[in-house]
């Protein structure tokens, strides 16, 4: 009987495959290019009734994504 692991690092360490769950504890962190990734702050549903308000809501969402490290800043 064989055993197939869901999570493994390929030979040479260039690629790690996660086929199961990757659990990051409170002390752990995930980084990309040296920037820590974290959940983005809640963006409330838009109640905009005109384009100007919709632009403001959209820009608030973009700022939250950038602050969380999920989108590059200019």
PDB file of N, CA and C in Angstrom:
ATOM      1  N   UNK A   1       0.845  -1.176   0.000  1.00  0.00           N
ATOM      2  CA  UNK A   1       0.000   0.000   0.000  1.00  0.00           C
ATOM      3  C   UNK A   1       0.893   1.243   0.000  1.00  0.00           C
ATOM      4  N   UNK A   2       0.618   2.154  -0.900  1.00  0.00           N
ATOM      5  CA  UNK A   2       1.416   3.369  -1.015  1.00  0.00           C
ATOM      6  C   UNK A   2       0.793   4.532  -0.261  1.00  0.00           C
ATOM      7  N   UNK A   3       1.557   5.597  -0.189  1.00  0.00           N
ATOM      8  CA  UNK A   3       1.092   6.800   0.487  1.00  0.00           C
ATOM      9  C   UNK A   3       1.378   7.986  -0.416  1.00  0.00           C
ATOM     10  N   UNK A   4       0.362   8.778  -0.716  1.00  0.00           N
ATOM     11  CA  UNK A   4       0.528   9.988  -1.513  1.00  0.00           C
ATOM     12  C   UNK A   4       0.281  11.198  -0.623  1.00  0.00           C
ATOM     13  N   UNK A   5       1.291  12.032  -0.498  1.00  0.00           N
ATOM     14  CA  UNK A   5       1.152  13.227   0.326  1.00  0.00           C
ATOM     15  C   UNK A   5       0.531  14.353  -0.490  1.00  0.00           C
ATOM     16  N   UNK A   6      -0.304  15.150   0.134  1.00  0.00           N
ATOM     17  CA  UNK A   6      -0.953  16.268  -0.543  1.00  0.00           C
ATOM     18  C   UNK A   6      -0.062  17.506  -0.573  1.00  0.00           C
ATOM     19  N   UNK A   7       0.788  17.660   0.431  1.00  0.00           N
ATOM     20  CA  UNK A   7       1.673  18.821   0.520  1.00  0.00           C
ATOM     21  C   UNK A   7       3.107  18.347   0.360  1.00  0.00           C
ATOM     22  N   UNK A   8       3.831  18.938  -0.572  1.00  0.00           N
ATOM     23  CA  UNK A   8       5.211  18.514  -0.785  1.00  0.00           C
ATOM     24  C   UNK A   8       6.005  19.608  -1.487  1.00  0.00           C
ATOM     25  N   UNK A   9       7.315  19.546  -1.331  1.00  0.00           N
ATOM     26  CA  UNK A   9       8.229  20.422  -2.051  1.00  0.00           C
ATOM     27  C   UNK A   9       8.944  19.580  -3.087  1.00  0.00           C
ATOM     28  N   UNK A  10       8.914  20.056  -4.332  1.00  0.00           N
ATOM     29  CA  UNK A  10       9.557  19.314  -5.405  1.00  0.00           C
ATOM     30  C   UNK A  10      11.066  19.358  -5.239  1.00  0.00           C
ATOM     31  N   UNK A  11      11.715  18.399  -5.848  1.00  0.00           N
ATOM     32  CA  UNK A  11      13.163  18.282  -5.744  1.00  0.00           C
ATOM     33  C   UNK A  11      13.823  19.587  -6.173  1.00  0.00           C
ATOM     34  N   UNK A  12      14.753  20.054  -5.380  1.00  0.00           N
ATOM     35  CA  UNK A  12      15.433  21.316  -5.649  1.00  0.00           C
ATOM     36  C   UNK A  12      14.812  22.485  -4.902  1.00  0.00           C
ATOM     37  N   UNK A  13      13.611  22.304  -4.378  1.00  0.00           N
ATOM     38  CA  UNK A  13      12.977  23.340  -3.572  1.00  0.00           C
ATOM     39  C   UNK A  13      12.388  24.503  -4.336  1.00  0.00           C
ATOM     40  N   UNK A  14      12.321  24.414  -5.664  1.00  0.00           N
ATOM     41  CA  UNK A  14      11.810  25.523  -6.472  1.00  0.00           C
ATOM     42  C   UNK A  14      10.299  25.698  -6.346  1.00  0.00           C
ATOM     43  N   UNK A  15       9.585  24.625  -6.029  1.00  0.00           N
ATOM     44  CA  UNK A  15       8.126  24.666  -6.027  1.00  0.00           C
ATOM     45  C   UNK A  15       7.588  23.846  -4.862  1.00  0.00           C
ATOM     46  N   UNK A  16       6.656  24.428  -4.116  1.00  0.00           N
ATOM     47  CA  UNK A  16       5.954  23.712  -3.054  1.00  0.00           C
ATOM     48  C   UNK A  16       4.487  23.620  -3.447  1.00  0.00           C
ATOM     49  N   UNK A  17       3.936  22.427  -3.364  1.00  0.00           N
ATOM     50  CA  UNK A  17       2.548  22.181  -3.735  1.00  0.00           C
ATOM     51  C   UNK A  17       1.734  21.965  -2.461  1.00  0.00           C
ATOM     52  N   UNK A  18       0.636  22.695  -2.342  1.00  0.00           N
ATOM     53  CA  UNK A  18      -0.268  22.533  -1.211  1.00  0.00           C
ATOM     54  C   UNK A  18      -1.566  21.943  -1.754  1.00  0.00           C
ATOM     55  N   UNK A  19      -1.765  20.661  -1.503  1.00  0.00           N
ATOM     56  CA  UNK A  19      -2.990  19.999  -1.914  1.00  0.00           C
ATOM     57  C   UNK A  19      -3.937  19.820  -0.749  1.00  0.00           C
ATOM     58  N   UNK A  20      -3.440  20.079   0.436  1.00  0.00           N
ATOM     59  CA  UNK A  20      -4.247  20.017   1.654  1.00  0.00           C
ATOM     60  C   UNK A  20      -4.384  21.416   2.211  1.00  0.00           C
ATOM     61  N   UNK A  21      -4.434  21.526   3.500  1.00  0.00           N
ATOM     62  CA  UNK A  21      -4.598  22.820   4.157  1.00  0.00           C
ATOM     63  C   UNK A  21      -3.249  23.375   4.586  1.00  0.00           C
ATOM     64  N   UNK A  22      -3.057  24.667   4.378  1.00  0.00           N
ATOM     65  CA  UNK A  22      -1.891  25.382   4.886  1.00  0.00           C
ATOM     66  C   UNK A  22      -2.393  26.270   6.020  1.00  0.00           C
ATOM     67  N   UNK A  23      -2.054  25.924   7.239  1.00  0.00           N
ATOM     68  CA  UNK A  23      -2.520  26.679   8.404  1.00  0.00           C
ATOM     69  C   UNK A  23      -1.393  27.572   8.899  1.00  0.00           C
ATOM     70  N   UNK A  24      -1.643  28.875   8.938  1.00  0.00           N
ATOM     71  CA  UNK A  24      -0.673  29.835   9.444  1.00  0.00           C
ATOM     72  C   UNK A  24      -1.145  30.253  10.833  1.00  0.00           C
ATOM     73  N   UNK A  25      -0.311  30.025  11.838  1.00  0.00           N
ATOM     74  CA  UNK A  25      -0.681  30.374  13.212  1.00  0.00           C
ATOM     75  C   UNK A  25      -0.627  31.889  13.406  1.00  0.00           C
ATOM     76  N   UNK A  26      -1.089  32.348  14.542  1.00  0.00           N
ATOM     77  CA  UNK A  26      -1.089  33.783  14.840  1.00  0.00           C
ATOM     78  C   UNK A  26       0.321  34.361  14.812  1.00  0.00           C
ATOM     79  N   UNK A  27       1.320  33.541  15.131  1.00  0.00           N
ATOM     80  CA  UNK A  27       2.707  34.011  15.134  1.00  0.00           C
ATOM     81  C   UNK A  27       3.325  33.969  13.736  1.00  0.00           C
ATOM     82  N   UNK A  28       2.698  33.254  12.817  1.00  0.00           N
ATOM     83  CA  UNK A  28       3.240  33.093  11.472  1.00  0.00           C
ATOM     84  C   UNK A  28       2.863  34.250  10.564  1.00  0.00           C
ATOM     85  N   UNK A  29       3.497  34.302   9.404  1.00  0.00           N
ATOM     86  CA  UNK A  29       3.168  35.337   8.426  1.00  0.00           C
ATOM     87  C   UNK A  29       3.470  34.823   7.032  1.00  0.00           C
ATOM     88  N   UNK A  30       2.827  35.434   6.055  1.00  0.00           N
ATOM     89  CA  UNK A  30       3.052  35.129   4.650  1.00  0.00           C
ATOM     90  C   UNK A  30       3.585  36.404   4.017  1.00  0.00           C
ATOM     91  N   UNK A  31       4.687  36.289   3.271  1.00  0.00           N
ATOM     92  CA  UNK A  31       5.262  37.466   2.621  1.00  0.00           C
ATOM     93  C   UNK A  31       5.384  37.237   1.122  1.00  0.00           C
ATOM     94  N   UNK A  32       5.385  38.333   0.382  1.00  0.00           N
ATOM     95  CA  UNK A  32       5.613  38.324  -1.059  1.00  0.00           C
ATOM     96  C   UNK A  32       6.536  39.486  -1.374  1.00  0.00           C
ATOM     97  N   UNK A  33       7.701  39.183  -1.929  1.00  0.00           N
ATOM     98  CA  UNK A  33       8.705  40.220  -2.219  1.00  0.00           C
ATOM     99  C   UNK A  33       9.018  41.056  -0.984  1.00  0.00           C
ATOM    100  N   UNK A  34       9.048  40.416   0.178  1.00  0.00           N
ATOM    101  CA  UNK A  34       9.392  41.104   1.410  1.00  0.00           C
ATOM    102  C   UNK A  34       8.246  41.845   2.072  1.00  0.00           C
ATOM    103  N   UNK A  35       7.079  41.874   1.430  1.00  0.00           N
ATOM    104  CA  UNK A  35       5.918  42.548   1.997  1.00  0.00           C
ATOM    105  C   UNK A  35       5.000  41.524   2.634  1.00  0.00           C
ATOM    106  N   UNK A  36       4.633  41.754   3.893  1.00  0.00           N
ATOM    107  CA  UNK A  36       3.741  40.827   4.580  1.00  0.00           C
ATOM    108  C   UNK A  36       2.328  40.958   4.029  1.00  0.00           C
ATOM    109  N   UNK A  37       1.732  39.824   3.683  1.00  0.00           N
ATOM    110  CA  UNK A  37       0.346  39.803   3.233  1.00  0.00           C
ATOM    111  C   UNK A  37      -0.545  39.573   4.443  1.00  0.00           C
ATOM    112  N   UNK A  38      -1.647  40.281   4.486  1.00  0.00           N
ATOM    113  CA  UNK A  38      -2.590  40.132   5.587  1.00  0.00           C
ATOM    114  C   UNK A  38      -3.992  40.369   5.040  1.00  0.00           C
ATOM    115  N   UNK A  39      -5.014  39.962   5.762  1.00  0.00           N
ATOM    116  CA  UNK A  39      -6.374  40.191   5.269  1.00  0.00           C
ATOM    117  C   UNK A  39      -6.637  41.680   5.090  1.00  0.00           C
ATOM    118  N   UNK A  40      -7.364  42.009   4.041  1.00  0.00           N
ATOM    119  CA  UNK A  40      -7.743  43.404   3.816  1.00  0.00           C
ATOM    120  C   UNK A  40      -8.849  43.788   4.787  1.00  0.00           C
ATOM    121  N   UNK A  41      -8.871  45.054   5.152  1.00  0.00           N
ATOM    122  CA  UNK A  41      -9.925  45.564   6.030  1.00  0.00           C
ATOM    123  C   UNK A  41     -11.274  45.463   5.325  1.00  0.00           C
ATOM    124  N   UNK A  42     -12.322  45.367   6.102  1.00  0.00           N
ATOM    125  CA  UNK A  42     -13.671  45.259   5.564  1.00  0.00           C
ATOM    126  C   UNK A  42     -14.022  46.487   4.738  1.00  0.00           C
ATOM    127  N   UNK A  43     -14.565  46.257   3.562  1.00  0.00           N
ATOM    128  CA  UNK A  43     -15.103  47.334   2.731  1.00  0.00           C
ATOM    129  C   UNK A  43     -16.614  47.153   2.721  1.00  0.00           C
ATOM    130  N   UNK A  44     -17.316  48.107   3.259  1.00  0.00           N
ATOM    131  CA  UNK A  44     -18.780  48.016   3.312  1.00  0.00           C
ATOM    132  C   UNK A  44     -19.360  48.004   1.904  1.00  0.00           C
ATOM    133  N   UNK A  45     -20.512  47.372   1.759  1.00  0.00           N
ATOM    134  CA  UNK A  45     -21.208  47.387   0.476  1.00  0.00           C
ATOM    135  C   UNK A  45     -21.485  48.830   0.080  1.00  0.00           C
ATOM    136  N   UNK A  46     -21.338  49.101  -1.201  1.00  0.00           N
ATOM    137  CA  UNK A  46     -21.564  50.454  -1.688  1.00  0.00           C
ATOM    138  C   UNK A  46     -23.054  50.788  -1.680  1.00  0.00           C
ATOM    139  N   UNK A  47     -23.355  51.988  -1.253  1.00  0.00           N
ATOM    140  CA  UNK A  47     -24.723  52.512  -1.332  1.00  0.00           C
ATOM    141  C   UNK A  47     -24.734  53.755  -2.215  1.00  0.00           C
ATOM    142  N   UNK A  48     -23.735  53.846  -3.089  1.00  0.00           N
ATOM    143  CA  UNK A  48     -23.581  55.018  -3.947  1.00  0.00           C
ATOM    144  C   UNK A  48     -24.807  55.204  -4.835  1.00  0.00           C
ATOM    145  N   UNK A  49     -25.185  56.451  -4.992  1.00  0.00           N
ATOM    146  CA  UNK A  49     -26.307  56.784  -5.869  1.00  0.00           C
ATOM    147  C   UNK A  49     -25.848  57.610  -7.069  1.00  0.00           C
ATOM    148  N   UNK A  50     -24.556  57.962  -7.074  1.00  0.00           N
ATOM    149  CA  UNK A  50     -24.010  58.673  -8.229  1.00  0.00           C
ATOM    150  C   UNK A  50     -22.572  58.216  -8.456  1.00  0.00           C
ATOM    151  N   UNK A  51     -22.030  58.617  -9.580  1.00  0.00           N
ATOM    152  CA  UNK A  51     -20.697  58.164  -9.976  1.00  0.00           C
ATOM    153  C   UNK A  51     -19.631  58.643  -8.998  1.00  0.00           C
ATOM    154  N   UNK A  52     -19.741  59.849  -8.507  1.00  0.00           N
ATOM    155  CA  UNK A  52     -18.734  60.383  -7.580  1.00  0.00           C
ATOM    156  C   UNK A  52     -18.657  59.536  -6.311  1.00  0.00           C
ATOM    157  N   UNK A  53     -19.800  59.147  -5.774  1.00  0.00           N
ATOM    158  CA  UNK A  53     -19.799  58.307  -4.575  1.00  0.00           C
ATOM    159  C   UNK A  53     -19.247  56.920  -4.874  1.00  0.00           C
ATOM    160  N   UNK A  54     -19.558  56.392  -6.058  1.00  0.00           N
ATOM    161  CA  UNK A  54     -19.047  55.080  -6.444  1.00  0.00           C
ATOM    162  C   UNK A  54     -17.526  55.118  -6.593  1.00  0.00           C
ATOM    163  N   UNK A  55     -16.999  56.195  -7.169  1.00  0.00           N
ATOM    164  CA  UNK A  55     -15.550  56.352  -7.289  1.00  0.00           C
ATOM    165  C   UNK A  55     -14.911  56.402  -5.904  1.00  0.00           C
ATOM    166  N   UNK A  56     -15.525  57.101  -4.980  1.00  0.00           N
ATOM    167  CA  UNK A  56     -14.992  57.180  -3.612  1.00  0.00           C
ATOM    168  C   UNK A  56     -14.978  55.801  -2.961  1.00  0.00           C
ATOM    169  N   UNK A  57     -16.052  55.027  -3.131  1.00  0.00           N
ATOM    170  CA  UNK A  57     -16.104  53.670  -2.573  1.00  0.00           C
ATOM    171  C   UNK A  57     -15.035  52.783  -3.199  1.00  0.00           C
ATOM    172  N   UNK A  58     -14.874  52.883  -4.505  1.00  0.00           N
ATOM    173  CA  UNK A  58     -13.888  52.066  -5.211  1.00  0.00           C
ATOM    174  C   UNK A  58     -12.472  52.425  -4.770  1.00  0.00           C
ATOM    175  N   UNK A  59     -12.191  53.704  -4.640  1.00  0.00           N
ATOM    176  CA  UNK A  59     -10.863  54.128  -4.194  1.00  0.00           C
ATOM    177  C   UNK A  59     -10.586  53.676  -2.763  1.00  0.00           C
ATOM    178  N   UNK A  60     -11.614  53.640  -1.924  1.00  0.00           N
ATOM    179  CA  UNK A  60     -11.446  53.137  -0.556  1.00  0.00           C
ATOM    180  C   UNK A  60     -11.080  51.656  -0.585  1.00  0.00           C
ATOM    181  N   UNK A  61     -11.713  50.893  -1.475  1.00  0.00           N
ATOM    182  CA  UNK A  61     -11.388  49.473  -1.620  1.00  0.00           C
ATOM    183  C   UNK A  61      -9.948  49.294  -2.092  1.00  0.00           C
ATOM    184  N   UNK A  62      -9.535  50.069  -3.089  1.00  0.00           N
ATOM    185  CA  UNK A  62      -8.157  49.972  -3.581  1.00  0.00           C
ATOM    186  C   UNK A  62      -7.156  50.277  -2.473  1.00  0.00           C
ATOM    187  N   UNK A  63      -7.426  51.279  -1.666  1.00  0.00           N
ATOM    188  CA  UNK A  63      -6.531  51.629  -0.563  1.00  0.00           C
ATOM    189  C   UNK A  63      -6.419  50.477   0.430  1.00  0.00           C
ATOM    190  N   UNK A  64      -7.527  49.831   0.735  1.00  0.00           N
ATOM    191  CA  UNK A  64      -7.500  48.709   1.676  1.00  0.00           C
ATOM    192  C   UNK A  64      -6.708  47.536   1.111  1.00  0.00           C
ATOM    193  N   UNK A  65      -6.834  47.273  -0.173  1.00  0.00           N
ATOM    194  CA  UNK A  65      -6.061  46.196  -0.795  1.00  0.00           C
ATOM    195  C   UNK A  65      -4.570  46.512  -0.777  1.00  0.00           C
ATOM    196  N   UNK A  66      -4.207  47.754  -1.055  1.00  0.00           N
ATOM    197  CA  UNK A  66      -2.799  48.157  -1.029  1.00  0.00           C
ATOM    198  C   UNK A  66      -2.239  48.101   0.388  1.00  0.00           C
ATOM    199  N   UNK A  67      -3.005  48.562   1.361  1.00  0.00           N
ATOM    200  CA  UNK A  67      -2.564  48.548   2.755  1.00  0.00           C
ATOM    201  C   UNK A  67      -2.325  47.128   3.245  1.00  0.00           C
ATOM    202  N   UNK A  68      -3.135  46.189   2.766  1.00  0.00           N
ATOM    203  CA  UNK A  68      -2.989  44.783   3.165  1.00  0.00           C
ATOM    204  C   UNK A  68      -1.849  44.091   2.427  1.00  0.00           C
ATOM    205  N   UNK A  69      -1.247  44.767   1.453  1.00  0.00           N
ATOM    206  CA  UNK A  69      -0.168  44.162   0.685  1.00  0.00           C
ATOM    207  C   UNK A  69      -0.660  43.252  -0.420  1.00  0.00           C
ATOM    208  N   UNK A  70      -1.946  43.337  -0.747  1.00  0.00           N
ATOM    209  CA  UNK A  70      -2.524  42.485  -1.778  1.00  0.00           C
ATOM    210  C   UNK A  70      -2.503  43.140  -3.149  1.00  0.00           C
ATOM    211  N   UNK A  71      -2.112  44.412  -3.203  1.00  0.00           N
ATOM    212  CA  UNK A  71      -2.006  45.142  -4.464  1.00  0.00           C
ATOM    213  C   UNK A  71      -0.816  46.081  -4.342  1.00  0.00           C
ATOM    214  N   UNK A  72      -0.050  46.184  -5.407  1.00  0.00           N
ATOM    215  CA  UNK A  72       1.109  47.074  -5.373  1.00  0.00           C
ATOM    216  C   UNK A  72       0.672  48.527  -5.336  1.00  0.00           C
ATOM    217  N   UNK A  73       1.441  49.337  -4.615  1.00  0.00           N
ATOM    218  CA  UNK A  73       1.212  50.775  -4.602  1.00  0.00           C
ATOM    219  C   UNK A  73       2.039  51.402  -5.706  1.00  0.00           C
ATOM    220  N   UNK A  74       1.665  52.591  -6.074  1.00  0.00           N
ATOM    221  CA  UNK A  74       2.411  53.291  -7.135  1.00  0.00           C
ATOM    222  C   UNK A  74       3.787  53.659  -6.665  1.00  0.00           C
TER     223      UNK A  74
END
